Amino acid sequence: VGAGAIIAMASDLRLATPEAKTAFLFNRVGLAGCDMGA
């Protein structure tokens, strides 16, 4: 989540387990979604 989701986004390829929970949760802390190139 957050910057962790951004790191995954900035990668070239992404694999995940069925338990992966991904969230760009910037607006949930009062910020814009436009963070780190999202």
Full PDB file with SEQRES, HELIX, SHEET, SSBOND, CRYST1, ORIGX, SCALE, CONECT and MASTER records, all heavy atoms in Angstrom:
SEQRES   1 A   38  VAL GLY ALA GLY ALA ILE ILE ALA MET ALA SER ASP LEU          
SEQRES   2 A   38  ARG LEU ALA THR PRO GLU ALA LYS THR ALA PHE LEU PHE          
SEQRES   3 A   38  ASN ARG VAL GLY LEU ALA GLY CYS ASP MET GLY ALA              
HELIX    1 AA1 ALA A    3  ALA A   10  1                                   8    
HELIX    2 AA2 PHE A   26  VAL A   29  5                                   4    
CRYST1    1.000    1.000    1.000  90.00  90.00  90.00 P 1           1          
ORIGX1      1.000000  0.000000  0.000000        0.00000                         
ORIGX2      0.000000  1.000000  0.000000        0.00000                         
ORIGX3      0.000000  0.000000  1.000000        0.00000                         
SCALE1      1.000000  0.000000  0.000000        0.00000                         
SCALE2      0.000000  1.000000  0.000000        0.00000                         
SCALE3      0.000000  0.000000  1.000000        0.00000                         
ATOM      1  N   VAL A   1       0.827  -1.203   0.000  1.00  0.00           N  
ATOM      2  CA  VAL A   1       0.000   0.000   0.000  1.00  0.00           C  
ATOM      3  C   VAL A   1       0.861   1.252   0.000  1.00  0.00           C  
ATOM      4  O   VAL A   1       2.048   1.221   0.326  1.00  0.00           O  
ATOM      5  CB  VAL A   1      -0.947   0.023   1.222  1.00  0.00           C  
ATOM      6  CG1 VAL A   1      -1.869  -1.188   1.209  1.00  0.00           C  
ATOM      7  CG2 VAL A   1      -0.172   0.084   2.538  1.00  0.00           C  
ATOM      8  N   GLY A   2       0.225   2.376  -0.363  1.00  0.00           N  
ATOM      9  CA  GLY A   2       0.924   3.647  -0.368  1.00  0.00           C  
ATOM     10  C   GLY A   2       2.158   3.599  -1.245  1.00  0.00           C  
ATOM     11  O   GLY A   2       2.110   3.188  -2.402  1.00  0.00           O  
ATOM     12  N   ALA A   3       3.286   4.002  -0.684  1.00  0.00           N  
ATOM     13  CA  ALA A   3       4.530   3.982  -1.440  1.00  0.00           C  
ATOM     14  C   ALA A   3       4.930   2.565  -1.840  1.00  0.00           C  
ATOM     15  O   ALA A   3       5.635   2.374  -2.828  1.00  0.00           O  
ATOM     16  CB  ALA A   3       5.652   4.630  -0.632  1.00  0.00           C  
ATOM     17  N   GLY A   4       4.476   1.560  -1.094  1.00  0.00           N  
ATOM     18  CA  GLY A   4       4.728   0.185  -1.495  1.00  0.00           C  
ATOM     19  C   GLY A   4       4.043  -0.142  -2.807  1.00  0.00           C  
ATOM     20  O   GLY A   4       4.619  -0.800  -3.684  1.00  0.00           O  
ATOM     21  N   ALA A   5       2.793   0.314  -2.971  1.00  0.00           N  
ATOM     22  CA  ALA A   5       2.080   0.123  -4.233  1.00  0.00           C  
ATOM     23  C   ALA A   5       2.780   0.871  -5.362  1.00  0.00           C  
ATOM     24  O   ALA A   5       2.808   0.402  -6.505  1.00  0.00           O  
ATOM     25  CB  ALA A   5       0.635   0.583  -4.101  1.00  0.00           C  
ATOM     26  N   ILE A   6       3.358   2.017  -5.042  1.00  0.00           N  
ATOM     27  CA  ILE A   6       4.093   2.781  -6.048  1.00  0.00           C  
ATOM     28  C   ILE A   6       5.340   2.021  -6.504  1.00  0.00           C  
ATOM     29  O   ILE A   6       5.663   1.977  -7.697  1.00  0.00           O  
ATOM     30  CB  ILE A   6       4.486   4.162  -5.506  1.00  0.00           C  
ATOM     31  CG1 ILE A   6       3.240   5.010  -5.211  1.00  0.00           C  
ATOM     32  CG2 ILE A   6       5.420   4.880  -6.468  1.00  0.00           C  
ATOM     33  CD1 ILE A   6       2.501   5.488  -6.425  1.00  0.00           C  
ATOM     34  N   ILE A   7       6.062   1.403  -5.567  1.00  0.00           N  
ATOM     35  CA  ILE A   7       7.240   0.621  -5.931  1.00  0.00           C  
ATOM     36  C   ILE A   7       6.845  -0.515  -6.866  1.00  0.00           C  
ATOM     37  O   ILE A   7       7.509  -0.776  -7.871  1.00  0.00           O  
ATOM     38  CB  ILE A   7       7.947   0.096  -4.669  1.00  0.00           C  
ATOM     39  CG1 ILE A   7       8.640   1.245  -3.935  1.00  0.00           C  
ATOM     40  CG2 ILE A   7       8.957  -1.002  -5.021  1.00  0.00           C  
ATOM     41  CD1 ILE A   7       9.203   0.865  -2.584  1.00  0.00           C  
ATOM     42  N   ALA A   8       5.746  -1.204  -6.539  1.00  0.00           N  
ATOM     43  CA  ALA A   8       5.267  -2.259  -7.437  1.00  0.00           C  
ATOM     44  C   ALA A   8       4.892  -1.676  -8.792  1.00  0.00           C  
ATOM     45  O   ALA A   8       5.231  -2.241  -9.841  1.00  0.00           O  
ATOM     46  CB  ALA A   8       4.073  -2.969  -6.802  1.00  0.00           C  
ATOM     47  N   MET A   9       4.198  -0.549  -8.795  1.00  0.00           N  
ATOM     48  CA  MET A   9       3.791   0.107 -10.037  1.00  0.00           C  
ATOM     49  C   MET A   9       4.990   0.490 -10.893  1.00  0.00           C  
ATOM     50  O   MET A   9       4.968   0.347 -12.122  1.00  0.00           O  
ATOM     51  CB  MET A   9       2.985   1.365  -9.693  1.00  0.00           C  
ATOM     52  CG  MET A   9       2.530   2.202 -10.875  1.00  0.00           C  
ATOM     53  SD  MET A   9       2.011   3.877 -10.364  1.00  0.00           S  
ATOM     54  CE  MET A   9       3.623   4.662 -10.114  1.00  0.00           C  
ATOM     55  N   ALA A  10       6.064   0.962 -10.257  1.00  0.00           N  
ATOM     56  CA  ALA A  10       7.240   1.430 -10.992  1.00  0.00           C  
ATOM     57  C   ALA A  10       8.101   0.287 -11.506  1.00  0.00           C  
ATOM     58  O   ALA A  10       9.047   0.530 -12.271  1.00  0.00           O  
ATOM     59  CB  ALA A  10       8.078   2.347 -10.100  1.00  0.00           C  
ATOM     60  N   SER A  11       7.804  -0.935 -11.113  1.00  0.00           N  
ATOM     61  CA  SER A  11       8.551  -2.090 -11.596  1.00  0.00           C  
ATOM     62  C   SER A  11       8.105  -2.440 -13.013  1.00  0.00           C  
ATOM     63  O   SER A  11       7.026  -2.052 -13.457  1.00  0.00           O  
ATOM     64  CB  SER A  11       8.338  -3.283 -10.663  1.00  0.00           C  
ATOM     65  OG  SER A  11       8.769  -2.981  -9.346  1.00  0.00           O  
ATOM     66  N   ASP A  12       8.917  -3.209 -13.694  1.00  0.00           N  
ATOM     67  CA  ASP A  12       8.589  -3.596 -15.068  1.00  0.00           C  
ATOM     68  C   ASP A  12       7.581  -4.736 -15.112  1.00  0.00           C  
ATOM     69  O   ASP A  12       6.728  -4.787 -16.000  1.00  0.00           O  
ATOM     70  CB  ASP A  12       9.865  -4.010 -15.803  1.00  0.00           C  
ATOM     71  CG  ASP A  12      10.872  -2.876 -15.880  1.00  0.00           C  
ATOM     72  OD1 ASP A  12      10.716  -2.007 -16.751  1.00  0.00           O  
ATOM     73  OD2 ASP A  12      11.803  -2.860 -15.061  1.00  0.00           O  
ATOM     74  N   LEU A  13       7.708  -5.667 -14.185  1.00  0.00           N  
ATOM     75  CA  LEU A  13       6.836  -6.836 -14.122  1.00  0.00           C  
ATOM     76  C   LEU A  13       6.420  -7.045 -12.674  1.00  0.00           C  
ATOM     77  O   LEU A  13       7.185  -6.752 -11.745  1.00  0.00           O  
ATOM     78  CB  LEU A  13       7.571  -8.082 -14.636  1.00  0.00           C  
ATOM     79  CG  LEU A  13       8.046  -8.029 -16.086  1.00  0.00           C  
ATOM     80  CD1 LEU A  13       9.067  -9.132 -16.341  1.00  0.00           C  
ATOM     81  CD2 LEU A  13       6.871  -8.154 -17.035  1.00  0.00           C  
ATOM     82  N   ARG A  14       5.216  -7.591 -12.494  1.00  0.00           N  
ATOM     83  CA  ARG A  14       4.688  -7.776 -11.145  1.00  0.00           C  
ATOM     84  C   ARG A  14       4.040  -9.144 -11.022  1.00  0.00           C  
ATOM     85  O   ARG A  14       3.150  -9.488 -11.812  1.00  0.00           O  
ATOM     86  CB  ARG A  14       3.660  -6.675 -10.822  1.00  0.00           C  
ATOM     87  CG  ARG A  14       4.266  -5.292 -10.668  1.00  0.00           C  
ATOM     88  CD  ARG A  14       3.223  -4.186 -10.767  1.00  0.00           C  
ATOM     89  NE  ARG A  14       2.685  -4.125 -12.126  1.00  0.00           N  
ATOM     90  CZ  ARG A  14       3.270  -3.472 -13.125  1.00  0.00           C  
ATOM     91  NH1 ARG A  14       4.393  -2.809 -12.921  1.00  0.00           N  
ATOM     92  NH2 ARG A  14       2.740  -3.480 -14.336  1.00  0.00           N  
ATOM     93  N   LEU A  15       4.473  -9.918 -10.039  1.00  0.00           N  
ATOM     94  CA  LEU A  15       3.828 -11.157  -9.649  1.00  0.00           C  
ATOM     95  C   LEU A  15       3.222 -10.948  -8.271  1.00  0.00           C  
ATOM     96  O   LEU A  15       3.693 -10.116  -7.493  1.00  0.00           O  
ATOM     97  CB  LEU A  15       4.835 -12.306  -9.588  1.00  0.00           C  
ATOM     98  CG  LEU A  15       5.709 -12.563 -10.820  1.00  0.00           C  
ATOM     99  CD1 LEU A  15       6.654 -13.726 -10.553  1.00  0.00           C  
ATOM    100  CD2 LEU A  15       4.860 -12.820 -12.051  1.00  0.00           C  
ATOM    101  N   ALA A  16       2.185 -11.726  -7.954  1.00  0.00           N  
ATOM    102  CA  ALA A  16       1.557 -11.564  -6.648  1.00  0.00           C  
ATOM    103  C   ALA A  16       0.971 -12.874  -6.172  1.00  0.00           C  
ATOM    104  O   ALA A  16       0.681 -13.777  -6.964  1.00  0.00           O  
ATOM    105  CB  ALA A  16       0.466 -10.492  -6.700  1.00  0.00           C  
ATOM    106  N   THR A  17       0.794 -12.968  -4.874  1.00  0.00           N  
ATOM    107  CA  THR A  17       0.067 -14.090  -4.289  1.00  0.00           C  
ATOM    108  C   THR A  17      -1.413 -13.726  -4.213  1.00  0.00           C  
ATOM    109  O   THR A  17      -1.779 -12.539  -4.284  1.00  0.00           O  
ATOM    110  CB  THR A  17       0.572 -14.401  -2.872  1.00  0.00           C  
ATOM    111  OG1 THR A  17       0.171 -13.341  -1.985  1.00  0.00           O  
ATOM    112  CG2 THR A  17       2.090 -14.540  -2.847  1.00  0.00           C  
ATOM    113  N   PRO A  18      -2.293 -14.726  -4.051  1.00  0.00           N  
ATOM    114  CA  PRO A  18      -3.718 -14.417  -3.889  1.00  0.00           C  
ATOM    115  C   PRO A  18      -4.007 -13.559  -2.659  1.00  0.00           C  
ATOM    116  O   PRO A  18      -5.075 -12.935  -2.577  1.00  0.00           O  
ATOM    117  CB  PRO A  18      -4.361 -15.804  -3.750  1.00  0.00           C  
ATOM    118  CG  PRO A  18      -3.422 -16.726  -4.452  1.00  0.00           C  
ATOM    119  CD  PRO A  18      -2.050 -16.171  -4.170  1.00  0.00           C  
ATOM    120  N   GLU A  19      -3.058 -13.509  -1.725  1.00  0.00           N  
ATOM    121  CA  GLU A  19      -3.256 -12.724  -0.501  1.00  0.00           C  
ATOM    122  C   GLU A  19      -2.813 -11.272  -0.643  1.00  0.00           C  
ATOM    123  O   GLU A  19      -2.951 -10.480   0.302  1.00  0.00           O  
ATOM    124  CB  GLU A  19      -2.489 -13.372   0.662  1.00  0.00           C  
ATOM    125  CG  GLU A  19      -3.015 -14.727   1.101  1.00  0.00           C  
ATOM    126  CD  GLU A  19      -2.679 -15.853   0.133  1.00  0.00           C  
ATOM    127  OE1 GLU A  19      -1.588 -15.813  -0.479  1.00  0.00           O  
ATOM    128  OE2 GLU A  19      -3.521 -16.762  -0.029  1.00  0.00           O  
ATOM    129  N   ALA A  20      -2.295 -10.896  -1.789  1.00  0.00           N  
ATOM    130  CA  ALA A  20      -1.804  -9.530  -1.974  1.00  0.00           C  
ATOM    131  C   ALA A  20      -2.951  -8.530  -1.898  1.00  0.00           C  
ATOM    132  O   ALA A  20      -4.006  -8.718  -2.511  1.00  0.00           O  
ATOM    133  CB  ALA A  20      -1.092  -9.405  -3.315  1.00  0.00           C  
ATOM    134  N   LYS A  21      -2.732  -7.471  -1.152  1.00  0.00           N  
ATOM    135  CA  LYS A  21      -3.710  -6.385  -1.005  1.00  0.00           C  
ATOM    136  C   LYS A  21      -3.014  -5.087  -1.363  1.00  0.00           C  
ATOM    137  O   LYS A  21      -2.118  -4.630  -0.659  1.00  0.00           O  
ATOM    138  CB  LYS A  21      -4.256  -6.345   0.420  1.00  0.00           C  
ATOM    139  CG  LYS A  21      -5.003  -7.606   0.838  1.00  0.00           C  
ATOM    140  CD  LYS A  21      -5.433  -7.545   2.287  1.00  0.00           C  
ATOM    141  CE  LYS A  21      -6.269  -8.759   2.677  1.00  0.00           C  
ATOM    142  NZ  LYS A  21      -5.513 -10.030   2.540  1.00  0.00           N  
ATOM    143  N   THR A  22      -3.442  -4.488  -2.473  1.00  0.00           N  
ATOM    144  CA  THR A  22      -2.759  -3.330  -3.032  1.00  0.00           C  
ATOM    145  C   THR A  22      -3.657  -2.112  -2.961  1.00  0.00           C  
ATOM    146  O   THR A  22      -4.812  -2.166  -3.397  1.00  0.00           O  
ATOM    147  CB  THR A  22      -2.369  -3.605  -4.499  1.00  0.00           C  
ATOM    148  OG1 THR A  22      -1.673  -4.856  -4.572  1.00  0.00           O  
ATOM    149  CG2 THR A  22      -1.493  -2.500  -5.044  1.00  0.00           C  
ATOM    150  N   ALA A  23      -3.138  -1.011  -2.433  1.00  0.00           N  
ATOM    151  CA  ALA A  23      -3.953   0.204  -2.316  1.00  0.00           C  
ATOM    152  C   ALA A  23      -3.086   1.446  -2.469  1.00  0.00           C  
ATOM    153  O   ALA A  23      -2.022   1.557  -1.846  1.00  0.00           O  
ATOM    154  CB  ALA A  23      -4.677   0.245  -0.974  1.00  0.00           C  
ATOM    155  N   PHE A  24      -3.562   2.360  -3.299  1.00  0.00           N  
ATOM    156  CA  PHE A  24      -2.950   3.685  -3.433  1.00  0.00           C  
ATOM    157  C   PHE A  24      -3.752   4.607  -2.519  1.00  0.00           C  
ATOM    158  O   PHE A  24      -4.620   5.360  -2.968  1.00  0.00           O  
ATOM    159  CB  PHE A  24      -2.999   4.133  -4.891  1.00  0.00           C  
ATOM    160  CG  PHE A  24      -2.253   3.207  -5.818  1.00  0.00           C  
ATOM    161  CD1 PHE A  24      -2.854   2.047  -6.302  1.00  0.00           C  
ATOM    162  CD2 PHE A  24      -0.951   3.480  -6.196  1.00  0.00           C  
ATOM    163  CE1 PHE A  24      -2.162   1.182  -7.148  1.00  0.00           C  
ATOM    164  CE2 PHE A  24      -0.247   2.622  -7.035  1.00  0.00           C  
ATOM    165  CZ  PHE A  24      -0.852   1.468  -7.509  1.00  0.00           C  
ATOM    166  N   LEU A  25      -3.439   4.544  -1.224  1.00  0.00           N  
ATOM    167  CA  LEU A  25      -4.359   5.073  -0.218  1.00  0.00           C  
ATOM    168  C   LEU A  25      -4.064   6.512   0.198  1.00  0.00           C  
ATOM    169  O   LEU A  25      -4.429   6.936   1.299  1.00  0.00           O  
ATOM    170  CB  LEU A  25      -4.356   4.148   1.015  1.00  0.00           C  
ATOM    171  CG  LEU A  25      -3.029   3.604   1.546  1.00  0.00           C  
ATOM    172  CD1 LEU A  25      -2.125   4.678   2.080  1.00  0.00           C  
ATOM    173  CD2 LEU A  25      -3.301   2.536   2.591  1.00  0.00           C  
ATOM    174  N   PHE A  26      -3.462   7.291  -0.686  1.00  0.00           N  
ATOM    175  CA  PHE A  26      -3.040   8.628  -0.310  1.00  0.00           C  
ATOM    176  C   PHE A  26      -4.212   9.522   0.116  1.00  0.00           C  
ATOM    177  O   PHE A  26      -4.100  10.313   1.047  1.00  0.00           O  
ATOM    178  CB  PHE A  26      -2.262   9.262  -1.469  1.00  0.00           C  
ATOM    179  CG  PHE A  26      -1.126   8.402  -1.935  1.00  0.00           C  
ATOM    180  CD1 PHE A  26      -1.206   7.713  -3.138  1.00  0.00           C  
ATOM    181  CD2 PHE A  26       0.007   8.249  -1.162  1.00  0.00           C  
ATOM    182  CE1 PHE A  26      -0.178   6.893  -3.565  1.00  0.00           C  
ATOM    183  CE2 PHE A  26       1.048   7.432  -1.569  1.00  0.00           C  
ATOM    184  CZ  PHE A  26       0.955   6.747  -2.763  1.00  0.00           C  
ATOM    185  N   ASN A  27      -5.364   9.391  -0.576  1.00  0.00           N  
ATOM    186  CA  ASN A  27      -6.482  10.267  -0.204  1.00  0.00           C  
ATOM    187  C   ASN A  27      -7.066   9.890   1.154  1.00  0.00           C  
ATOM    188  O   ASN A  27      -7.756  10.679   1.784  1.00  0.00           O  
ATOM    189  CB  ASN A  27      -7.564  10.258  -1.288  1.00  0.00           C  
ATOM    190  CG  ASN A  27      -8.505   9.080  -1.182  1.00  0.00           C  
ATOM    191  OD1 ASN A  27      -8.085   7.951  -0.897  1.00  0.00           O  
ATOM    192  ND2 ASN A  27      -9.782   9.331  -1.436  1.00  0.00           N  
ATOM    193  N   ARG A  28      -6.772   8.695   1.638  1.00  0.00           N  
ATOM    194  CA  ARG A  28      -7.264   8.292   2.945  1.00  0.00           C  
ATOM    195  C   ARG A  28      -6.492   8.952   4.079  1.00  0.00           C  
ATOM    196  O   ARG A  28      -6.910   8.903   5.236  1.00  0.00           O  
ATOM    197  CB  ARG A  28      -7.223   6.766   3.073  1.00  0.00           C  
ATOM    198  CG  ARG A  28      -8.284   6.101   2.185  1.00  0.00           C  
ATOM    199  CD  ARG A  28      -8.079   4.616   2.008  1.00  0.00           C  
ATOM    200  NE  ARG A  28      -8.077   3.879   3.271  1.00  0.00           N  
ATOM    201  CZ  ARG A  28      -7.885   2.565   3.364  1.00  0.00           C  
ATOM    202  NH1 ARG A  28      -7.672   1.854   2.258  1.00  0.00           N  
ATOM    203  NH2 ARG A  28      -7.894   1.967   4.530  1.00  0.00           N  
ATOM    204  N   VAL A  29      -5.353   9.565   3.747  1.00  0.00           N  
ATOM    205  CA  VAL A  29      -4.624  10.343   4.749  1.00  0.00           C  
ATOM    206  C   VAL A  29      -4.653  11.828   4.392  1.00  0.00           C  
ATOM    207  O   VAL A  29      -3.806  12.611   4.820  1.00  0.00           O  
ATOM    208  CB  VAL A  29      -3.163   9.843   4.900  1.00  0.00           C  
ATOM    209  CG1 VAL A  29      -3.151   8.428   5.445  1.00  0.00           C  
ATOM    210  CG2 VAL A  29      -2.395   9.913   3.581  1.00  0.00           C  
ATOM    211  N   GLY A  30      -5.648  12.222   3.590  1.00  0.00           N  
ATOM    212  CA  GLY A  30      -5.841  13.630   3.279  1.00  0.00           C  
ATOM    213  C   GLY A  30      -4.972  14.174   2.172  1.00  0.00           C  
ATOM    214  O   GLY A  30      -4.839  15.401   2.038  1.00  0.00           O  
ATOM    215  N   LEU A  31      -4.389  13.282   1.363  1.00  0.00           N  
ATOM    216  CA  LEU A  31      -3.508  13.730   0.290  1.00  0.00           C  
ATOM    217  C   LEU A  31      -4.103  13.382  -1.068  1.00  0.00           C  
ATOM    218  O   LEU A  31      -5.021  12.571  -1.172  1.00  0.00           O  
ATOM    219  CB  LEU A  31      -2.131  13.066   0.428  1.00  0.00           C  
ATOM    220  CG  LEU A  31      -1.350  13.412   1.695  1.00  0.00           C  
ATOM    221  CD1 LEU A  31      -0.056  12.603   1.754  1.00  0.00           C  
ATOM    222  CD2 LEU A  31      -1.049  14.907   1.769  1.00  0.00           C  
ATOM    223  N   ALA A  32      -3.549  13.990  -2.113  1.00  0.00           N  
ATOM    224  CA  ALA A  32      -3.991  13.707  -3.474  1.00  0.00           C  
ATOM    225  C   ALA A  32      -3.458  12.355  -3.930  1.00  0.00           C  
ATOM    226  O   ALA A  32      -2.426  11.871  -3.453  1.00  0.00           O  
ATOM    227  CB  ALA A  32      -3.501  14.807  -4.422  1.00  0.00           C  
ATOM    228  N   GLY A  33      -4.152  11.774  -4.876  1.00  0.00           N  
ATOM    229  CA  GLY A  33      -3.691  10.521  -5.443  1.00  0.00           C  
ATOM    230  C   GLY A  33      -2.473  10.672  -6.329  1.00  0.00           C  
ATOM    231  O   GLY A  33      -1.834   9.684  -6.686  1.00  0.00           O  
ATOM    232  N   CYS A  34      -2.135  11.916  -6.683  1.00  0.00           N  
ATOM    233  CA  CYS A  34      -1.002  12.162  -7.594  1.00  0.00           C  
ATOM    234  C   CYS A  34       0.299  12.137  -6.806  1.00  0.00           C  
ATOM    235  O   CYS A  34       0.889  13.171  -6.524  1.00  0.00           O  
ATOM    236  CB  CYS A  34      -1.183  13.496  -8.324  1.00  0.00           C  
ATOM    237  SG  CYS A  34      -1.450  14.907  -7.238  1.00  0.00           S  
ATOM    238  N   ASP A  35       0.758  10.949  -6.459  1.00  0.00           N  
ATOM    239  CA  ASP A  35       1.945  10.807  -5.634  1.00  0.00           C  
ATOM    240  C   ASP A  35       2.971   9.940  -6.351  1.00  0.00           C  
ATOM    241  O   ASP A  35       2.649   8.847  -6.835  1.00  0.00           O  
ATOM    242  CB  ASP A  35       1.581  10.174  -4.284  1.00  0.00           C  
ATOM    243  CG  ASP A  35       2.682  10.355  -3.251  1.00  0.00           C  
ATOM    244  OD1 ASP A  35       2.709  11.412  -2.604  1.00  0.00           O  
ATOM    245  OD2 ASP A  35       3.499   9.438  -3.090  1.00  0.00           O  
ATOM    246  N   MET A  36       4.196  10.428  -6.454  1.00  0.00           N  
ATOM    247  CA  MET A  36       5.313   9.649  -6.995  1.00  0.00           C  
ATOM    248  C   MET A  36       5.021   9.148  -8.407  1.00  0.00           C  
ATOM    249  O   MET A  36       5.453   8.063  -8.792  1.00  0.00           O  
ATOM    250  CB  MET A  36       5.654   8.481  -6.059  1.00  0.00           C  
ATOM    251  CG  MET A  36       6.077   8.905  -4.663  1.00  0.00           C  
ATOM    252  SD  MET A  36       6.229   7.512  -3.491  1.00  0.00           S  
ATOM    253  CE  MET A  36       7.667   6.658  -4.145  1.00  0.00           C  
ATOM    254  N   GLY A  37       4.282   9.904  -9.191  1.00  0.00           N  
ATOM    255  CA  GLY A  37       4.013   9.543 -10.573  1.00  0.00           C  
ATOM    256  C   GLY A  37       2.800   8.668 -10.792  1.00  0.00           C  
ATOM    257  O   GLY A  37       2.570   8.191 -11.909  1.00  0.00           O  
ATOM    258  N   ALA A  38       1.962   8.479  -9.766  1.00  0.00           N  
ATOM    259  CA  ALA A  38       0.829   7.556  -9.880  1.00  0.00           C  
ATOM    260  C   ALA A  38      -0.145   7.966 -10.979  1.00  0.00           C  
ATOM    261  O   ALA A  38      -0.660   7.105 -11.710  1.00  0.00           O  
ATOM    262  CB  ALA A  38       0.093   7.452  -8.544  1.00  0.00           C  
TER     263      ALA A  38                                                      
MASTER        0    0    0    2    0    0    0    6  262    1    0    3          
END                                                                             
